Amino acid sequence: QVQLVESGGGLVQPGGSLRLSCAASGFTLNSHAIAWFRQAPGKEREAVSCISPSDGNIYYKDAVKGRFTVSRDNAKNTIYLEMNSLKPEDTAVYYCATDLGLEHSSFFASDYNYWGQGTQVTVSS
């Protein structure tokens, strides 16, 4: 069955870096839409980045553009979220998500049917 497992979260000081991983199983990651989301306490889940299933283009929300980078290891069926210059407002649970029928990139959480369990990222001094 489709499964997504995130890892790599932790506590980091402002200005620091972390790399999150999202290991996929039950489907081929590079053939489907996939996205990173985050949810801070008391806030709605928001998109961070998404990958188009048709051309592999990667899109970023303005809040993380220039600081976060998504990459993919097809051999490991895993995507990564490299986060640099972290700010306290980046503190959240980070999720990866996919949908096997989605034919375009999307920043809408409702477009994704499969989610990982999330990994906590805390940016604090």
Foldseek 3Di string as FASTA:
>chain_A
DWAWAKDWADEAAQQAKTKMKIFIPPDQLLQFKKFKWWDDPPGDIWTAKIAANPPRDIDGDPVQPPFWDKDDDRVRSMIMIIGGSDDQVVWTWMKMFTDHPDRTIDGDPVVTDYIHPTDTHGYHD
